[in-house]
């Protein structure tokens, strides 16, 4: 997954401590995010980075959402993710490499490898 969209982010020139620091101002960060043209990509990137981490291990503002909002959205997105995971596994069974799968599904190589590893662990 290309991260070129980050160059268009409104926050690109703002101190990252506002979003992730212990003294961060969530309200101010969300206001800045509100007008950002790459807000959906940023939120999705944040969810992907957090992966299966528990709520207590999530932090910061991504795409105008705090950890609780992303947790709720993650739960709502599970059917979509399940379908995505099934597509990843089908393409892998056809012999496609993680890079090819990632490019076809517009996801990161990391996501492909994580899905494959999780499936292999649960099958063992």
PDB file of N, CA and C in Angstrom:
ATOM      1  N   UNK A   1       0.848  -1.164   0.000  1.00  0.00           N
ATOM      2  CA  UNK A   1       0.000   0.000   0.000  1.00  0.00           C
ATOM      3  C   UNK A   1       0.896   1.230   0.000  1.00  0.00           C
ATOM      4  N   UNK A   2       0.699   2.080  -0.962  1.00  0.00           N
ATOM      5  CA  UNK A   2       1.478   3.302  -1.057  1.00  0.00           C
ATOM      6  C   UNK A   2       1.041   4.301   0.010  1.00  0.00           C
ATOM      7  N   UNK A   3       1.985   5.022   0.526  1.00  0.00           N
ATOM      8  CA  UNK A   3       1.683   6.032   1.546  1.00  0.00           C
ATOM      9  C   UNK A   3       1.798   7.444   0.980  1.00  0.00           C
ATOM     10  N   UNK A   4       1.764   7.586  -0.344  1.00  0.00           N
ATOM     11  CA  UNK A   4       1.860   8.894  -0.977  1.00  0.00           C
ATOM     12  C   UNK A   4       0.751   9.831  -0.524  1.00  0.00           C
ATOM     13  N   UNK A   5      -0.385   9.294  -0.156  1.00  0.00           N
ATOM     14  CA  UNK A   5      -1.506  10.115   0.287  1.00  0.00           C
ATOM     15  C   UNK A   5      -1.128  10.960   1.497  1.00  0.00           C
ATOM     16  N   UNK A   6      -0.154  10.501   2.289  1.00  0.00           N
ATOM     17  CA  UNK A   6       0.247  11.245   3.485  1.00  0.00           C
ATOM     18  C   UNK A   6       0.776  12.640   3.148  1.00  0.00           C
ATOM     19  N   UNK A   7       1.337  12.795   1.958  1.00  0.00           N
ATOM     20  CA  UNK A   7       1.858  14.098   1.560  1.00  0.00           C
ATOM     21  C   UNK A   7       0.748  15.126   1.415  1.00  0.00           C
ATOM     22  N   UNK A   8      -0.479  14.674   1.167  1.00  0.00           N
ATOM     23  CA  UNK A   8      -1.631  15.569   1.011  1.00  0.00           C
ATOM     24  C   UNK A   8      -2.365  15.812   2.320  1.00  0.00           C
ATOM     25  N   UNK A   9      -1.919  15.212   3.380  1.00  0.00           N
ATOM     26  CA  UNK A   9      -2.605  15.332   4.671  1.00  0.00           C
ATOM     27  C   UNK A   9      -2.446  16.744   5.236  1.00  0.00           C
ATOM     28  N   UNK A  10      -3.518  17.279   5.769  1.00  0.00           N
ATOM     29  CA  UNK A  10      -3.499  18.600   6.380  1.00  0.00           C
ATOM     30  C   UNK A  10      -2.501  18.639   7.537  1.00  0.00           C
ATOM     31  N   UNK A  11      -2.335  17.553   8.217  1.00  0.00           N
ATOM     32  CA  UNK A  11      -1.460  17.498   9.393  1.00  0.00           C
ATOM     33  C   UNK A  11       0.009  17.332   9.050  1.00  0.00           C
ATOM     34  N   UNK A  12       0.350  17.229   7.777  1.00  0.00           N
ATOM     35  CA  UNK A  12       1.731  16.922   7.389  1.00  0.00           C
ATOM     36  C   UNK A  12       2.755  17.879   8.002  1.00  0.00           C
ATOM     37  N   UNK A  13       2.383  19.128   8.216  1.00  0.00           N
ATOM     38  CA  UNK A  13       3.329  20.078   8.771  1.00  0.00           C
ATOM     39  C   UNK A  13       3.056  20.438  10.224  1.00  0.00           C
ATOM     40  N   UNK A  14       2.232  19.641  10.895  1.00  0.00           N
ATOM     41  CA  UNK A  14       1.850  19.933  12.272  1.00  0.00           C
ATOM     42  C   UNK A  14       2.601  18.993  13.216  1.00  0.00           C
ATOM     43  N   UNK A  15       2.905  19.476  14.388  1.00  0.00           N
ATOM     44  CA  UNK A  15       3.616  18.684  15.389  1.00  0.00           C
ATOM     45  C   UNK A  15       2.868  17.379  15.687  1.00  0.00           C
ATOM     46  N   UNK A  16       3.492  16.204  15.483  1.00  0.00           N
ATOM     47  CA  UNK A  16       2.818  14.924  15.716  1.00  0.00           C
ATOM     48  C   UNK A  16       2.397  14.699  17.162  1.00  0.00           C
ATOM     49  N   UNK A  17       2.994  15.425  18.094  1.00  0.00           N
ATOM     50  CA  UNK A  17       2.605  15.289  19.499  1.00  0.00           C
ATOM     51  C   UNK A  17       1.139  15.642  19.719  1.00  0.00           C
ATOM     52  N   UNK A  18       0.592  16.489  18.838  1.00  0.00           N
ATOM     53  CA  UNK A  18      -0.816  16.857  18.948  1.00  0.00           C
ATOM     54  C   UNK A  18      -1.704  15.618  18.814  1.00  0.00           C
ATOM     55  N   UNK A  19      -1.308  14.667  17.986  1.00  0.00           N
ATOM     56  CA  UNK A  19      -2.102  13.465  17.740  1.00  0.00           C
ATOM     57  C   UNK A  19      -1.724  12.302  18.635  1.00  0.00           C
ATOM     58  N   UNK A  20      -0.464  12.204  18.990  1.00  0.00           N
ATOM     59  CA  UNK A  20       0.000  10.990  19.662  1.00  0.00           C
ATOM     60  C   UNK A  20       0.695  11.217  20.987  1.00  0.00           C
ATOM     61  N   UNK A  21       0.973  12.424  21.339  1.00  0.00           N
ATOM     62  CA  UNK A  21       1.706  12.684  22.571  1.00  0.00           C
ATOM     63  C   UNK A  21       0.820  12.586  23.798  1.00  0.00           C
ATOM     64  N   UNK A  22       1.441  12.438  24.922  1.00  0.00           N
ATOM     65  CA  UNK A  22       0.704  12.355  26.181  1.00  0.00           C
ATOM     66  C   UNK A  22      -0.088  13.637  26.425  1.00  0.00           C
ATOM     67  N   UNK A  23       0.409  14.765  25.925  1.00  0.00           N
ATOM     68  CA  UNK A  23      -0.281  16.038  26.106  1.00  0.00           C
ATOM     69  C   UNK A  23      -1.121  16.413  24.900  1.00  0.00           C
ATOM     70  N   UNK A  24      -1.442  15.440  24.054  1.00  0.00           N
ATOM     71  CA  UNK A  24      -2.202  15.711  22.841  1.00  0.00           C
ATOM     72  C   UNK A  24      -3.573  16.300  23.123  1.00  0.00           C
ATOM     73  N   UNK A  25      -4.048  17.089  22.185  1.00  0.00           N
ATOM     74  CA  UNK A  25      -5.349  17.722  22.307  1.00  0.00           C
ATOM     75  C   UNK A  25      -6.274  17.078  21.281  1.00  0.00           C
ATOM     76  N   UNK A  26      -7.054  16.092  21.701  1.00  0.00           N
ATOM     77  CA  UNK A  26      -7.893  15.324  20.780  1.00  0.00           C
ATOM     78  C   UNK A  26      -8.888  16.217  20.052  1.00  0.00           C
ATOM     79  N   UNK A  27      -9.499  17.153  20.749  1.00  0.00           N
ATOM     80  CA  UNK A  27     -10.483  18.039  20.108  1.00  0.00           C
ATOM     81  C   UNK A  27      -9.839  18.861  19.003  1.00  0.00           C
ATOM     82  N   UNK A  28      -8.668  19.422  19.270  1.00  0.00           N
ATOM     83  CA  UNK A  28      -7.975  20.225  18.261  1.00  0.00           C
ATOM     84  C   UNK A  28      -7.541  19.348  17.085  1.00  0.00           C
ATOM     85  N   UNK A  29      -7.035  18.170  17.388  1.00  0.00           N
ATOM     86  CA  UNK A  29      -6.611  17.252  16.321  1.00  0.00           C
ATOM     87  C   UNK A  29      -7.799  16.881  15.430  1.00  0.00           C
ATOM     88  N   UNK A  30      -8.949  16.579  16.027  1.00  0.00           N
ATOM     89  CA  UNK A  30     -10.136  16.219  15.246  1.00  0.00           C
ATOM     90  C   UNK A  30     -10.601  17.380  14.378  1.00  0.00           C
ATOM     91  N   UNK A  31     -10.497  18.621  14.886  1.00  0.00           N
ATOM     92  CA  UNK A  31     -10.884  19.791  14.081  1.00  0.00           C
ATOM     93  C   UNK A  31      -9.976  19.925  12.868  1.00  0.00           C
ATOM     94  N   UNK A  32      -8.690  19.698  13.050  1.00  0.00           N
ATOM     95  CA  UNK A  32      -7.754  19.770  11.928  1.00  0.00           C
ATOM     96  C   UNK A  32      -8.077  18.674  10.910  1.00  0.00           C
ATOM     97  N   UNK A  33      -8.375  17.490  11.383  1.00  0.00           N
ATOM     98  CA  UNK A  33      -8.693  16.360  10.503  1.00  0.00           C
ATOM     99  C   UNK A  33      -9.986  16.579   9.712  1.00  0.00           C
ATOM    100  N   UNK A  34     -10.901  17.340  10.264  1.00  0.00           N
ATOM    101  CA  UNK A  34     -12.226  17.496   9.658  1.00  0.00           C
ATOM    102  C   UNK A  34     -12.162  17.972   8.207  1.00  0.00           C
ATOM    103  N   UNK A  35     -11.179  18.792   7.870  1.00  0.00           N
ATOM    104  CA  UNK A  35     -11.096  19.324   6.508  1.00  0.00           C
ATOM    105  C   UNK A  35     -10.060  18.608   5.645  1.00  0.00           C
ATOM    106  N   UNK A  36      -9.531  17.519   6.130  1.00  0.00           N
ATOM    107  CA  UNK A  36      -8.446  16.827   5.432  1.00  0.00           C
ATOM    108  C   UNK A  36      -8.977  15.972   4.274  1.00  0.00           C
ATOM    109  N   UNK A  37      -8.370  16.096   3.094  1.00  0.00           N
ATOM    110  CA  UNK A  37      -8.835  15.321   1.938  1.00  0.00           C
ATOM    111  C   UNK A  37      -8.483  13.830   2.000  1.00  0.00           C
ATOM    112  N   UNK A  38      -7.575  13.443   2.885  1.00  0.00           N
ATOM    113  CA  UNK A  38      -7.151  12.033   2.963  1.00  0.00           C
ATOM    114  C   UNK A  38      -7.596  11.380   4.271  1.00  0.00           C
ATOM    115  N   UNK A  39      -8.604  11.933   4.870  1.00  0.00           N
ATOM    116  CA  UNK A  39      -9.090  11.432   6.151  1.00  0.00           C
ATOM    117  C   UNK A  39      -9.428   9.930   6.125  1.00  0.00           C
ATOM    118  N   UNK A  40     -10.170   9.430   5.103  1.00  0.00           N
ATOM    119  CA  UNK A  40     -10.489   7.988   5.099  1.00  0.00           C
ATOM    120  C   UNK A  40      -9.244   7.100   5.027  1.00  0.00           C
ATOM    121  N   UNK A  41      -8.270   7.494   4.218  1.00  0.00           N
ATOM    122  CA  UNK A  41      -7.047   6.697   4.107  1.00  0.00           C
ATOM    123  C   UNK A  41      -6.291   6.688   5.440  1.00  0.00           C
ATOM    124  N   UNK A  42      -6.281   7.834   6.097  1.00  0.00           N
ATOM    125  CA  UNK A  42      -5.578   7.954   7.376  1.00  0.00           C
ATOM    126  C   UNK A  42      -6.232   7.074   8.449  1.00  0.00           C
ATOM    127  N   UNK A  43      -7.554   7.118   8.507  1.00  0.00           N
ATOM    128  CA  UNK A  43      -8.245   6.291   9.501  1.00  0.00           C
ATOM    129  C   UNK A  43      -7.985   4.806   9.239  1.00  0.00           C
ATOM    130  N   UNK A  44      -8.075   4.395   7.976  1.00  0.00           N
ATOM    131  CA  UNK A  44      -7.825   2.992   7.624  1.00  0.00           C
ATOM    132  C   UNK A  44      -6.386   2.600   7.963  1.00  0.00           C
ATOM    133  N   UNK A  45      -5.446   3.491   7.713  1.00  0.00           N
ATOM    134  CA  UNK A  45      -4.047   3.228   8.033  1.00  0.00           C
ATOM    135  C   UNK A  45      -3.875   3.047   9.544  1.00  0.00           C
ATOM    136  N   UNK A  46      -4.510   3.894  10.322  1.00  0.00           N
ATOM    137  CA  UNK A  46      -4.445   3.775  11.774  1.00  0.00           C
ATOM    138  C   UNK A  46      -5.000   2.456  12.262  1.00  0.00           C
ATOM    139  N   UNK A  47      -6.149   2.044  11.697  1.00  0.00           N
ATOM    140  CA  UNK A  47      -6.743   0.753  12.083  1.00  0.00           C
ATOM    141  C   UNK A  47      -5.806  -0.390  11.710  1.00  0.00           C
ATOM    142  N   UNK A  48      -5.174  -0.292  10.540  1.00  0.00           N
ATOM    143  CA  UNK A  48      -4.262  -1.347  10.101  1.00  0.00           C
ATOM    144  C   UNK A  48      -3.037  -1.418  11.014  1.00  0.00           C
ATOM    145  N   UNK A  49      -2.512  -0.264  11.390  1.00  0.00           N
ATOM    146  CA  UNK A  49      -1.356  -0.241  12.295  1.00  0.00           C
ATOM    147  C   UNK A  49      -1.678  -0.873  13.637  1.00  0.00           C
ATOM    148  N   UNK A  50      -2.882  -0.584  14.132  1.00  0.00           N
ATOM    149  CA  UNK A  50      -3.269  -1.103  15.441  1.00  0.00           C
ATOM    150  C   UNK A  50      -3.563  -2.586  15.402  1.00  0.00           C
ATOM    151  N   UNK A  51      -3.967  -3.080  14.253  1.00  0.00           N
ATOM    152  CA  UNK A  51      -4.243  -4.501  14.106  1.00  0.00           C
ATOM    153  C   UNK A  51      -5.214  -5.005  15.150  1.00  0.00           C
ATOM    154  N   UNK A  52      -4.839  -6.058  15.820  1.00  0.00           N
ATOM    155  CA  UNK A  52      -5.708  -6.680  16.818  1.00  0.00           C
ATOM    156  C   UNK A  52      -5.403  -6.202  18.233  1.00  0.00           C
ATOM    157  N   UNK A  53      -4.713  -5.091  18.357  1.00  0.00           N
ATOM    158  CA  UNK A  53      -4.367  -4.574  19.684  1.00  0.00           C
ATOM    159  C   UNK A  53      -5.627  -4.293  20.490  1.00  0.00           C
ATOM    160  N   UNK A  54      -5.535  -4.457  21.788  1.00  0.00           N
ATOM    161  CA  UNK A  54      -6.678  -4.153  22.652  1.00  0.00           C
ATOM    162  C   UNK A  54      -6.871  -2.645  22.719  1.00  0.00           C
ATOM    163  N   UNK A  55      -8.040  -2.233  23.149  1.00  0.00           N
ATOM    164  CA  UNK A  55      -8.347  -0.804  23.216  1.00  0.00           C
ATOM    165  C   UNK A  55      -7.328  -0.054  24.056  1.00  0.00           C
ATOM    166  N   UNK A  56      -6.869  -0.654  25.144  1.00  0.00           N
ATOM    167  CA  UNK A  56      -5.902   0.043  26.006  1.00  0.00           C
ATOM    168  C   UNK A  56      -4.564   0.265  25.304  1.00  0.00           C
ATOM    169  N   UNK A  57      -4.273  -0.495  24.255  1.00  0.00           N
ATOM    170  CA  UNK A  57      -3.016  -0.350  23.528  1.00  0.00           C
ATOM    171  C   UNK A  57      -3.145   0.537  22.288  1.00  0.00           C
ATOM    172  N   UNK A  58      -4.344   1.064  22.054  1.00  0.00           N
ATOM    173  CA  UNK A  58      -4.555   1.984  20.928  1.00  0.00           C
ATOM    174  C   UNK A  58      -4.485   3.402  21.460  1.00  0.00           C
ATOM    175  N   UNK A  59      -4.014   4.287  20.625  1.00  0.00           N
ATOM    176  CA  UNK A  59      -3.909   5.669  21.074  1.00  0.00           C
ATOM    177  C   UNK A  59      -3.922   6.623  19.889  1.00  0.00           C
ATOM    178  N   UNK A  60      -4.062   7.874  20.200  1.00  0.00           N
ATOM    179  CA  UNK A  60      -3.931   8.905  19.190  1.00  0.00           C
ATOM    180  C   UNK A  60      -5.165   9.094  18.335  1.00  0.00           C
ATOM    181  N   UNK A  61      -5.047  10.068  17.453  1.00  0.00           N
ATOM    182  CA  UNK A  61      -6.107  10.402  16.510  1.00  0.00           C
ATOM    183  C   UNK A  61      -5.616  10.044  15.120  1.00  0.00           C
ATOM    184  N   UNK A  62      -6.401   9.272  14.408  1.00  0.00           N
ATOM    185  CA  UNK A  62      -6.124   8.901  13.019  1.00  0.00           C
ATOM    186  C   UNK A  62      -7.375   9.215  12.222  1.00  0.00           C
ATOM    187  N   UNK A  63      -7.243  10.033  11.192  1.00  0.00           N
ATOM    188  CA  UNK A  63      -8.381  10.337  10.327  1.00  0.00           C
ATOM    189  C   UNK A  63      -9.550  10.938  11.093  1.00  0.00           C
ATOM    190  N   UNK A  64      -9.258  11.682  12.123  1.00  0.00           N
ATOM    191  CA  UNK A  64     -10.316  12.334  12.890  1.00  0.00           C
ATOM    192  C   UNK A  64     -11.030  11.431  13.871  1.00  0.00           C
ATOM    193  N   UNK A  65     -10.511  10.227  14.104  1.00  0.00           N
ATOM    194  CA  UNK A  65     -11.145   9.305  15.043  1.00  0.00           C
ATOM    195  C   UNK A  65     -10.207   8.987  16.193  1.00  0.00           C
ATOM    196  N   UNK A  66     -10.793   8.828  17.366  1.00  0.00           N
ATOM    197  CA  UNK A  66     -10.002   8.412  18.520  1.00  0.00           C
ATOM    198  C   UNK A  66     -10.043   6.886  18.615  1.00  0.00           C
ATOM    199  N   UNK A  67      -9.343   6.342  19.590  1.00  0.00           N
ATOM    200  CA  UNK A  67      -9.227   4.882  19.716  1.00  0.00           C
ATOM    201  C   UNK A  67     -10.582   4.202  19.881  1.00  0.00           C
ATOM    202  N   UNK A  68     -11.480   4.783  20.652  1.00  0.00           N
ATOM    203  CA  UNK A  68     -12.795   4.158  20.853  1.00  0.00           C
ATOM    204  C   UNK A  68     -13.596   4.116  19.566  1.00  0.00           C
ATOM    205  N   UNK A  69     -13.572   5.195  18.801  1.00  0.00           N
ATOM    206  CA  UNK A  69     -14.315   5.230  17.535  1.00  0.00           C
ATOM    207  C   UNK A  69     -13.752   4.212  16.553  1.00  0.00           C
ATOM    208  N   UNK A  70     -12.420   4.105  16.494  1.00  0.00           N
ATOM    209  CA  UNK A  70     -11.823   3.114  15.587  1.00  0.00           C
ATOM    210  C   UNK A  70     -12.157   1.706  16.018  1.00  0.00           C
ATOM    211  N   UNK A  71     -12.229   1.470  17.314  1.00  0.00           N
ATOM    212  CA  UNK A  71     -12.594   0.144  17.817  1.00  0.00           C
ATOM    213  C   UNK A  71     -14.015  -0.216  17.382  1.00  0.00           C
ATOM    214  N   UNK A  72     -14.933   0.739  17.506  1.00  0.00           N
ATOM    215  CA  UNK A  72     -16.316   0.489  17.067  1.00  0.00           C
ATOM    216  C   UNK A  72     -16.370   0.213  15.575  1.00  0.00           C
ATOM    217  N   UNK A  73     -15.647   1.012  14.799  1.00  0.00           N
ATOM    218  CA  UNK A  73     -15.657   0.826  13.342  1.00  0.00           C
ATOM    219  C   UNK A  73     -15.021  -0.497  12.951  1.00  0.00           C
ATOM    220  N   UNK A  74     -14.000  -0.904  13.694  1.00  0.00           N
ATOM    221  CA  UNK A  74     -13.346  -2.190  13.406  1.00  0.00           C
ATOM    222  C   UNK A  74     -14.340  -3.333  13.584  1.00  0.00           C
ATOM    223  N   UNK A  75     -15.122  -3.268  14.656  1.00  0.00           N
ATOM    224  CA  UNK A  75     -16.122  -4.308  14.903  1.00  0.00           C
ATOM    225  C   UNK A  75     -17.172  -4.325  13.809  1.00  0.00           C
ATOM    226  N   UNK A  76     -17.588  -3.144  13.344  1.00  0.00           N
ATOM    227  CA  UNK A  76     -18.582  -3.060  12.271  1.00  0.00           C
ATOM    228  C   UNK A  76     -18.018  -3.570  10.951  1.00  0.00           C
ATOM    229  N   UNK A  77     -16.713  -3.465  10.759  1.00  0.00           N
ATOM    230  CA  UNK A  77     -16.082  -3.843   9.497  1.00  0.00           C
ATOM    231  C   UNK A  77     -15.697  -5.313   9.426  1.00  0.00           C
ATOM    232  N   UNK A  78     -15.932  -6.075  10.479  1.00  0.00           N
ATOM    233  CA  UNK A  78     -15.493  -7.479  10.479  1.00  0.00           C
ATOM    234  C   UNK A  78     -16.012  -8.294   9.301  1.00  0.00           C
ATOM    235  N   UNK A  79     -17.299  -8.179   8.908  1.00  0.00           N
ATOM    236  CA  UNK A  79     -17.735  -8.953   7.742  1.00  0.00           C
ATOM    237  C   UNK A  79     -16.953  -8.595   6.482  1.00  0.00           C
ATOM    238  N   UNK A  80     -16.643  -7.315   6.302  1.00  0.00           N
ATOM    239  CA  UNK A  80     -15.861  -6.899   5.144  1.00  0.00           C
ATOM    240  C   UNK A  80     -14.457  -7.473   5.245  1.00  0.00           C
ATOM    241  N   UNK A  81     -13.878  -7.426   6.435  1.00  0.00           N
ATOM    242  CA  UNK A  81     -12.532  -7.960   6.640  1.00  0.00           C
ATOM    243  C   UNK A  81     -12.521  -9.467   6.421  1.00  0.00           C
ATOM    244  N   UNK A  82     -13.552 -10.169   6.887  1.00  0.00           N
ATOM    245  CA  UNK A  82     -13.630 -11.610   6.677  1.00  0.00           C
ATOM    246  C   UNK A  82     -13.641 -11.937   5.189  1.00  0.00           C
ATOM    247  N   UNK A  83     -14.391 -11.149   4.410  1.00  0.00           N
ATOM    248  CA  UNK A  83     -14.441 -11.349   2.966  1.00  0.00           C
ATOM    249  C   UNK A  83     -13.076 -11.062   2.347  1.00  0.00           C
ATOM    250  N   UNK A  84     -12.433  -9.988   2.802  1.00  0.00           N
ATOM    251  CA  UNK A  84     -11.098  -9.655   2.311  1.00  0.00           C
ATOM    252  C   UNK A  84     -10.119 -10.777   2.616  1.00  0.00           C
ATOM    253  N   UNK A  85     -10.171 -11.299   3.833  1.00  0.00           N
ATOM    254  CA  UNK A  85      -9.266 -12.373   4.224  1.00  0.00           C
ATOM    255  C   UNK A  85      -9.488 -13.614   3.364  1.00  0.00           C
ATOM    256  N   UNK A  86     -10.735 -13.926   3.084  1.00  0.00           N
ATOM    257  CA  UNK A  86     -11.044 -15.087   2.234  1.00  0.00           C
ATOM    258  C   UNK A  86     -10.476 -14.872   0.832  1.00  0.00           C
ATOM    259  N   UNK A  87     -10.574 -13.657   0.319  1.00  0.00           N
ATOM    260  CA  UNK A  87     -10.022 -13.356  -1.006  1.00  0.00           C
ATOM    261  C   UNK A  87      -8.503 -13.491  -0.997  1.00  0.00           C
ATOM    262  N   UNK A  88      -7.867 -13.038   0.066  1.00  0.00           N
ATOM    263  CA  UNK A  88      -6.408 -13.168   0.189  1.00  0.00           C
ATOM    264  C   UNK A  88      -6.010 -14.638   0.131  1.00  0.00           C
ATOM    265  N   UNK A  89      -6.693 -15.459   0.895  1.00  0.00           N
ATOM    266  CA  UNK A  89      -6.353 -16.888   0.948  1.00  0.00           C
ATOM    267  C   UNK A  89      -6.599 -17.575  -0.396  1.00  0.00           C
ATOM    268  N   UNK A  90      -7.683 -17.205  -1.076  1.00  0.00           N
ATOM    269  CA  UNK A  90      -7.948 -17.799  -2.406  1.00  0.00           C
ATOM    270  C   UNK A  90      -6.843 -17.434  -3.389  1.00  0.00           C
ATOM    271  N   UNK A  91      -6.426 -16.173  -3.388  1.00  0.00           N
ATOM    272  CA  UNK A  91      -5.365 -15.746  -4.306  1.00  0.00           C
ATOM    273  C   UNK A  91      -4.033 -16.413  -3.955  1.00  0.00           C
ATOM    274  N   UNK A  92      -3.760 -16.591  -2.674  1.00  0.00           N
ATOM    275  CA  UNK A  92      -2.529 -17.276  -2.259  1.00  0.00           C
ATOM    276  C   UNK A  92      -2.549 -18.732  -2.719  1.00  0.00           C
ATOM    277  N   UNK A  93      -3.708 -19.367  -2.610  1.00  0.00           N
ATOM    278  CA  UNK A  93      -3.829 -20.756  -3.060  1.00  0.00           C
ATOM    279  C   UNK A  93      -3.577 -20.876  -4.558  1.00  0.00           C
ATOM    280  N   UNK A  94      -3.852 -19.822  -5.296  1.00  0.00           N
ATOM    281  CA  UNK A  94      -3.618 -19.813  -6.743  1.00  0.00           C
ATOM    282  C   UNK A  94      -2.156 -19.554  -7.085  1.00  0.00           C
ATOM    283  N   UNK A  95      -1.330 -19.329  -6.046  1.00  0.00           N
ATOM    284  CA  UNK A  95       0.095 -19.150  -6.261  1.00  0.00           C
ATOM    285  C   UNK A  95       0.566 -17.713  -6.361  1.00  0.00           C
ATOM    286  N   UNK A  96      -0.300 -16.759  -6.095  1.00  0.00           N
ATOM    287  CA  UNK A  96       0.118 -15.362  -6.151  1.00  0.00           C
ATOM    288  C   UNK A  96       1.003 -15.037  -4.947  1.00  0.00           C
ATOM    289  N   UNK A  97       1.969 -14.160  -5.150  1.00  0.00           N
ATOM    290  CA  UNK A  97       2.848 -13.730  -4.057  1.00  0.00           C
ATOM    291  C   UNK A  97       2.115 -12.689  -3.201  1.00  0.00           C
ATOM    292  N   UNK A  98       2.574 -12.502  -1.974  1.00  0.00           N
ATOM    293  CA  UNK A  98       1.963 -11.458  -1.129  1.00  0.00           C
ATOM    294  C   UNK A  98       1.960 -10.084  -1.801  1.00  0.00           C
ATOM    295  N   UNK A  99       3.029  -9.751  -2.492  1.00  0.00           N
ATOM    296  CA  UNK A  99       3.107  -8.451  -3.182  1.00  0.00           C
ATOM    297  C   UNK A  99       2.041  -8.346  -4.274  1.00  0.00           C
ATOM    298  N   UNK A 100       1.848  -9.418  -5.030  1.00  0.00           N
ATOM    299  CA  UNK A 100       0.831  -9.412  -6.088  1.00  0.00           C
ATOM    300  C   UNK A 100      -0.579  -9.303  -5.497  1.00  0.00           C
ATOM    301  N   UNK A 101      -0.811 -10.032  -4.415  1.00  0.00           N
ATOM    302  CA  UNK A 101      -2.113  -9.983  -3.749  1.00  0.00           C
ATOM    303  C   UNK A 101      -2.381  -8.578  -3.212  1.00  0.00           C
ATOM    304  N   UNK A 102      -1.368  -8.013  -2.567  1.00  0.00           N
ATOM    305  CA  UNK A 102      -1.511  -6.667  -2.004  1.00  0.00           C
ATOM    306  C   UNK A 102      -1.841  -5.654  -3.094  1.00  0.00           C
ATOM    307  N   UNK A 103      -1.151  -5.746  -4.221  1.00  0.00           N
ATOM    308  CA  UNK A 103      -1.402  -4.811  -5.320  1.00  0.00           C
ATOM    309  C   UNK A 103      -2.812  -4.986  -5.882  1.00  0.00           C
ATOM    310  N   UNK A 104      -3.244  -6.218  -6.023  1.00  0.00           N
ATOM    311  CA  UNK A 104      -4.572  -6.471  -6.584  1.00  0.00           C
ATOM    312  C   UNK A 104      -5.686  -5.995  -5.661  1.00  0.00           C
ATOM    313  N   UNK A 105      -5.510  -6.167  -4.358  1.00  0.00           N
ATOM    314  CA  UNK A 105      -6.559  -5.814  -3.401  1.00  0.00           C
ATOM    315  C   UNK A 105      -6.371  -4.426  -2.790  1.00  0.00           C
ATOM    316  N   UNK A 106      -5.313  -3.720  -3.190  1.00  0.00           N
ATOM    317  CA  UNK A 106      -4.989  -2.390  -2.673  1.00  0.00           C
ATOM    318  C   UNK A 106      -4.856  -2.399  -1.153  1.00  0.00           C
ATOM    319  N   UNK A 107      -4.047  -3.341  -0.681  1.00  0.00           N
ATOM    320  CA  UNK A 107      -3.745  -3.455   0.742  1.00  0.00           C
ATOM    321  C   UNK A 107      -2.236  -3.588   0.885  1.00  0.00           C
ATOM    322  N   UNK A 108      -1.745  -3.642   2.094  1.00  0.00           N
ATOM    323  CA  UNK A 108      -0.300  -3.747   2.299  1.00  0.00           C
ATOM    324  C   UNK A 108       0.155  -5.210   2.275  1.00  0.00           C
ATOM    325  N   UNK A 109       1.430  -5.398   1.950  1.00  0.00           N
ATOM    326  CA  UNK A 109       2.030  -6.741   2.024  1.00  0.00           C
ATOM    327  C   UNK A 109       1.907  -7.268   3.450  1.00  0.00           C
ATOM    328  N   UNK A 110       2.052  -6.367   4.406  1.00  0.00           N
ATOM    329  CA  UNK A 110       1.955  -6.742   5.820  1.00  0.00           C
ATOM    330  C   UNK A 110       0.598  -7.368   6.139  1.00  0.00           C
ATOM    331  N   UNK A 111      -0.461  -6.792   5.582  1.00  0.00           N
ATOM    332  CA  UNK A 111      -1.808  -7.330   5.817  1.00  0.00           C
ATOM    333  C   UNK A 111      -1.914  -8.737   5.234  1.00  0.00           C
ATOM    334  N   UNK A 112      -1.407  -8.915   4.028  1.00  0.00           N
ATOM    335  CA  UNK A 112      -1.454 -10.236   3.387  1.00  0.00           C
ATOM    336  C   UNK A 112      -0.703 -11.251   4.243  1.00  0.00           C
ATOM    337  N   UNK A 113       0.508 -10.903   4.665  1.00  0.00           N
ATOM    338  CA  UNK A 113       1.311 -11.828   5.467  1.00  0.00           C
ATOM    339  C   UNK A 113       0.656 -12.120   6.813  1.00  0.00           C
ATOM    340  N   UNK A 114       0.028 -11.110   7.415  1.00  0.00           N
ATOM    341  CA  UNK A 114      -0.641 -11.312   8.701  1.00  0.00           C
ATOM    342  C   UNK A 114      -1.819 -12.267   8.555  1.00  0.00           C
ATOM    343  N   UNK A 115      -2.615 -12.109   7.507  1.00  0.00           N
ATOM    344  CA  UNK A 115      -3.769 -12.992   7.281  1.00  0.00           C
ATOM    345  C   UNK A 115      -3.294 -14.423   7.058  1.00  0.00           C
ATOM    346  N   UNK A 116      -2.265 -14.575   6.236  1.00  0.00           N
ATOM    347  CA  UNK A 116      -1.749 -15.921   5.976  1.00  0.00           C
ATOM    348  C   UNK A 116      -1.196 -16.559   7.247  1.00  0.00           C
ATOM    349  N   UNK A 117      -0.451 -15.797   8.038  1.00  0.00           N
ATOM    350  CA  UNK A 117       0.149 -16.338   9.268  1.00  0.00           C
ATOM    351  C   UNK A 117      -0.929 -16.713  10.279  1.00  0.00           C
ATOM    352  N   UNK A 118      -1.947 -15.880  10.410  1.00  0.00           N
ATOM    353  CA  UNK A 118      -3.047 -16.162  11.340  1.00  0.00           C
ATOM    354  C   UNK A 118      -3.777 -17.430  10.938  1.00  0.00           C
ATOM    355  N   UNK A 119      -3.994 -17.592   9.657  1.00  0.00           N
ATOM    356  CA  UNK A 119      -4.685 -18.791   9.159  1.00  0.00           C
ATOM    357  C   UNK A 119      -3.843 -20.043   9.391  1.00  0.00           C
ATOM    358  N   UNK A 120      -2.545 -19.938   9.157  1.00  0.00           N
ATOM    359  CA  UNK A 120      -1.652 -21.074   9.370  1.00  0.00           C
ATOM    360  C   UNK A 120      -1.594 -21.460  10.849  1.00  0.00           C
ATOM    361  N   UNK A 121      -1.562 -20.451  11.747  1.00  0.00           N
ATOM    362  CA  UNK A 121      -1.532 -20.741  13.186  1.00  0.00           C
ATOM    363  C   UNK A 121      -2.827 -21.418  13.639  1.00  0.00           C
ATOM    364  N   UNK A 122      -3.962 -20.954  13.120  1.00  0.00           N
ATOM    365  CA  UNK A 122      -5.224 -21.534  13.566  1.00  0.00           C
ATOM    366  C   UNK A 122      -5.438 -22.932  12.986  1.00  0.00           C
ATOM    367  N   UNK A 123      -4.773 -23.242  11.871  1.00  0.00           N
ATOM    368  CA  UNK A 123      -4.899 -24.570  11.255  1.00  0.00           C
ATOM    369  C   UNK A 123      -4.006 -25.594  11.953  1.00  0.00           C
ATOM    370  N   UNK A 124      -2.985 -25.096  12.641  1.00  0.00           N
ATOM    371  CA  UNK A 124      -2.018 -26.006  13.294  1.00  0.00           C
ATOM    372  C   UNK A 124      -2.538 -26.601  14.560  1.00  0.00           C
TER     373      UNK A 124
END
